[in-house]
N, C-alpha and C. Protein backbone atom coordinates (compact mmCIF):
# COMPACT_ATOMS: atom_id res chain seq x y z
N MET A 1 -6.33 7.64 25.44
CA MET A 1 -6.42 6.37 24.90
C MET A 1 -5.53 6.35 23.32
N THR A 2 -4.39 5.51 23.43
CA THR A 2 -3.87 5.25 22.01
C THR A 2 -4.33 4.27 21.15
N ARG A 3 -4.44 4.47 20.03
CA ARG A 3 -4.61 3.12 18.97
C ARG A 3 -3.37 2.46 18.77
N ASP A 4 -3.38 1.36 18.89
CA ASP A 4 -2.23 0.46 18.44
C ASP A 4 -2.04 0.69 16.79
N LYS A 5 -0.87 0.90 16.35
CA LYS A 5 -0.62 1.01 14.90
C LYS A 5 0.04 -0.35 14.61
N ALA A 6 -0.62 -0.93 13.60
CA ALA A 6 -0.07 -2.23 13.40
C ALA A 6 0.84 -1.95 11.99
N THR A 7 1.88 -2.42 12.10
CA THR A 7 2.74 -2.12 10.85
C THR A 7 2.89 -3.45 9.86
N VAL A 8 3.38 -2.87 8.93
CA VAL A 8 3.41 -3.71 7.57
C VAL A 8 4.60 -4.17 7.20
N ASP A 9 5.36 -5.20 7.25
CA ASP A 9 6.74 -5.21 6.91
C ASP A 9 7.04 -4.88 5.80
N ASP A 10 8.42 -4.48 5.53
CA ASP A 10 8.99 -3.70 4.35
C ASP A 10 8.75 -4.44 3.01
N LEU A 11 9.01 -5.66 3.14
CA LEU A 11 8.67 -6.58 1.79
C LEU A 11 7.36 -6.28 1.23
N THR A 12 6.38 -6.46 2.23
CA THR A 12 4.77 -6.43 1.81
C THR A 12 4.88 -5.08 1.42
N LEU A 13 5.26 -4.12 2.08
CA LEU A 13 4.95 -2.41 1.77
C LEU A 13 5.38 -2.30 0.38
N MET A 14 6.62 -2.83 -0.14
CA MET A 14 7.22 -2.52 -1.34
C MET A 14 6.43 -3.19 -2.64
N GLU A 15 6.13 -4.70 -2.01
CA GLU A 15 5.14 -5.19 -3.13
C GLU A 15 3.68 -4.61 -3.36
N ILE A 16 3.08 -3.81 -2.64
CA ILE A 16 1.98 -3.14 -2.57
C ILE A 16 2.31 -2.09 -3.36
N LYS A 17 3.47 -1.18 -3.12
CA LYS A 17 3.78 0.00 -3.64
C LYS A 17 3.99 -0.19 -5.30
N LEU A 18 4.65 -1.24 -5.73
CA LEU A 18 4.94 -1.51 -6.91
C LEU A 18 3.68 -2.17 -7.77
N GLU A 19 2.62 -2.74 -6.92
CA GLU A 19 1.67 -3.13 -7.54
C GLU A 19 0.61 -2.04 -8.05
N VAL A 20 0.36 -1.01 -7.11
CA VAL A 20 -0.18 -0.07 -7.26
C VAL A 20 0.21 0.98 -8.45
N ALA A 21 1.57 1.14 -8.11
CA ALA A 21 2.29 1.94 -9.26
C ALA A 21 2.17 1.41 -10.75
N TYR A 22 2.19 0.09 -10.66
CA TYR A 22 1.73 -0.66 -11.95
C TYR A 22 0.41 -0.34 -12.49
N GLU A 23 -0.44 -0.58 -11.69
CA GLU A 23 -1.92 -0.28 -11.99
C GLU A 23 -2.31 1.23 -12.33
N MET A 24 -1.28 2.10 -11.86
CA MET A 24 -1.49 3.57 -12.18
C MET A 24 -0.91 3.79 -13.53
N GLY A 25 -0.19 2.91 -13.95
CA GLY A 25 0.43 2.93 -15.19
C GLY A 25 1.92 3.92 -15.08
N LEU A 26 2.47 3.62 -13.78
CA LEU A 26 3.60 4.55 -13.69
C LEU A 26 4.89 3.57 -13.55
N ALA A 27 4.65 2.37 -13.93
CA ALA A 27 5.73 1.47 -13.96
C ALA A 27 7.21 2.07 -14.78
N GLU A 28 6.63 2.26 -15.81
CA GLU A 28 7.78 2.73 -17.03
C GLU A 28 8.47 3.96 -16.55
N LYS A 29 7.76 4.93 -15.99
CA LYS A 29 8.31 6.17 -15.43
C LYS A 29 8.99 5.87 -14.31
N ILE A 30 8.79 5.02 -13.48
CA ILE A 30 9.83 4.69 -12.30
C ILE A 30 10.86 3.95 -12.78
N ARG A 31 10.91 2.99 -13.62
CA ARG A 31 12.00 2.43 -14.25
C ARG A 31 13.17 3.26 -14.96
N LYS A 32 12.49 4.34 -15.58
CA LYS A 32 13.39 5.12 -16.23
C LYS A 32 13.76 6.32 -15.24
N TYR A 33 13.01 7.10 -14.39
CA TYR A 33 13.52 7.96 -13.65
C TYR A 33 13.74 7.68 -12.15
N GLY A 34 13.27 6.69 -11.68
CA GLY A 34 13.24 6.16 -10.24
C GLY A 34 11.99 6.72 -9.50
N TRP A 35 11.82 6.50 -8.24
CA TRP A 35 10.68 7.09 -7.42
C TRP A 35 10.93 8.60 -7.40
N GLY A 36 11.96 9.17 -7.55
CA GLY A 36 12.17 10.75 -7.64
C GLY A 36 11.53 11.52 -8.65
N GLY A 37 11.29 10.59 -9.86
CA GLY A 37 10.77 11.22 -10.96
C GLY A 37 9.26 11.29 -10.95
N LEU A 38 8.65 11.00 -9.90
CA LEU A 38 7.08 10.98 -9.79
C LEU A 38 6.93 12.54 -9.42
N SER A 39 5.54 13.08 -9.75
CA SER A 39 5.27 14.40 -9.60
C SER A 39 4.49 14.24 -8.04
N ALA A 40 4.32 15.42 -7.38
CA ALA A 40 3.66 15.32 -6.19
C ALA A 40 2.34 14.80 -6.43
N LYS A 41 1.58 15.13 -7.28
CA LYS A 41 0.36 14.45 -7.66
C LYS A 41 0.51 12.95 -7.60
N GLU A 42 1.22 12.41 -8.27
CA GLU A 42 1.31 11.23 -8.60
C GLU A 42 1.71 10.52 -7.29
N THR A 43 2.57 10.96 -6.46
CA THR A 43 3.23 10.40 -5.26
C THR A 43 2.03 10.60 -4.38
N GLY A 44 1.27 11.55 -4.14
CA GLY A 44 0.13 11.68 -3.45
C GLY A 44 -1.00 10.72 -3.46
N ARG A 45 -1.33 10.58 -4.86
CA ARG A 45 -2.20 9.44 -5.14
C ARG A 45 -1.76 8.10 -4.98
N LEU A 46 -0.45 7.66 -5.11
CA LEU A 46 0.30 6.43 -4.93
C LEU A 46 0.11 6.07 -3.39
N GLY A 47 0.19 7.05 -2.51
CA GLY A 47 0.38 6.94 -1.20
C GLY A 47 -1.13 6.81 -0.86
N GLY A 48 -2.15 7.50 -1.10
CA GLY A 48 -3.55 7.20 -0.85
C GLY A 48 -3.98 5.63 -1.11
N LEU A 49 -3.74 5.56 -2.50
CA LEU A 49 -3.86 3.99 -2.70
C LEU A 49 -3.42 2.93 -2.04
N ILE A 50 -2.22 3.17 -1.60
CA ILE A 50 -1.47 2.28 -0.80
C ILE A 50 -2.15 1.93 0.56
N THR A 51 -2.45 3.08 1.22
CA THR A 51 -3.16 3.39 2.47
C THR A 51 -4.48 2.43 2.26
N GLN A 52 -5.29 2.90 1.51
CA GLN A 52 -6.57 2.08 1.30
C GLN A 52 -6.30 0.69 1.04
N ARG A 53 -5.29 0.25 0.23
CA ARG A 53 -4.78 -1.21 0.03
C ARG A 53 -4.65 -1.96 1.39
N ILE A 54 -3.77 -1.23 2.24
CA ILE A 54 -3.27 -1.60 3.77
C ILE A 54 -4.48 -1.93 4.50
N ARG A 55 -5.28 -0.88 4.43
CA ARG A 55 -6.50 -0.77 5.68
C ARG A 55 -7.48 -2.07 4.99
N LYS A 56 -7.79 -2.22 3.87
CA LYS A 56 -8.42 -3.29 3.38
C LYS A 56 -7.74 -4.63 3.52
N MET A 57 -6.54 -4.64 3.42
CA MET A 57 -5.85 -6.04 3.85
C MET A 57 -5.94 -6.34 5.35
N LYS A 58 -5.82 -5.31 6.18
CA LYS A 58 -5.83 -5.67 7.73
C LYS A 58 -7.17 -6.00 8.14
N LYS A 59 -8.37 -5.23 7.14
CA LYS A 59 -9.64 -5.69 7.62
C LYS A 59 -9.99 -6.90 7.35
N THR A 60 -9.66 -7.52 6.14
CA THR A 60 -9.82 -8.80 5.74
C THR A 60 -8.93 -9.83 6.75
N GLU A 61 -7.95 -9.46 7.05
CA GLU A 61 -7.25 -10.44 8.06
C GLU A 61 -8.04 -10.43 9.47
N GLU A 62 -8.47 -9.14 9.92
CA GLU A 62 -9.19 -9.13 11.12
C GLU A 62 -10.41 -10.05 11.05
N SER A 63 -11.15 -10.01 10.08
CA SER A 63 -12.66 -10.48 9.84
C SER A 63 -11.94 -12.21 9.55
N GLU A 64 -11.19 -12.56 9.07
CA GLU A 64 -10.82 -13.85 9.00
C GLU A 64 -10.66 -14.74 10.28
N ALA A 65 -9.47 -13.73 11.14
CA ALA A 65 -9.18 -14.28 12.57
C ALA A 65 -10.51 -14.43 13.24
N GLN A 66 -11.58 -13.46 13.24
CA GLN A 66 -12.71 -13.64 14.15
C GLN A 66 -13.36 -14.74 13.57
N LYS A 67 -13.52 -15.10 12.45
CA LYS A 67 -14.31 -16.37 11.92
C LYS A 67 -13.52 -17.87 12.52
N LYS A 68 -12.26 -17.69 12.63
CA LYS A 68 -11.54 -18.59 13.07
C LYS A 68 -11.85 -18.92 14.63
N GLU A 69 -12.20 -17.66 15.14
CA GLU A 69 -12.22 -17.84 16.70
C GLU A 69 -13.70 -18.29 17.06
N ALA A 70 -14.65 -18.14 15.96
CA ALA A 70 -15.91 -18.63 16.29
C ALA A 70 -16.26 -19.81 16.19
């Protein structure tokens, strides 16, 4: 049995990515050096926080959809 993988559109993903990077204090470093200027540790942390944000967003959308159906 496979799980359906819901996708996040590119624009939303970029908005989340930039928002999380800003919250981590990496905005200036990204402006100066680009995304390639981040260390592996920073990139991993950024990816983890983005994943958490997307999961939370999807869970909220699902609960709102269930409320509308009820």
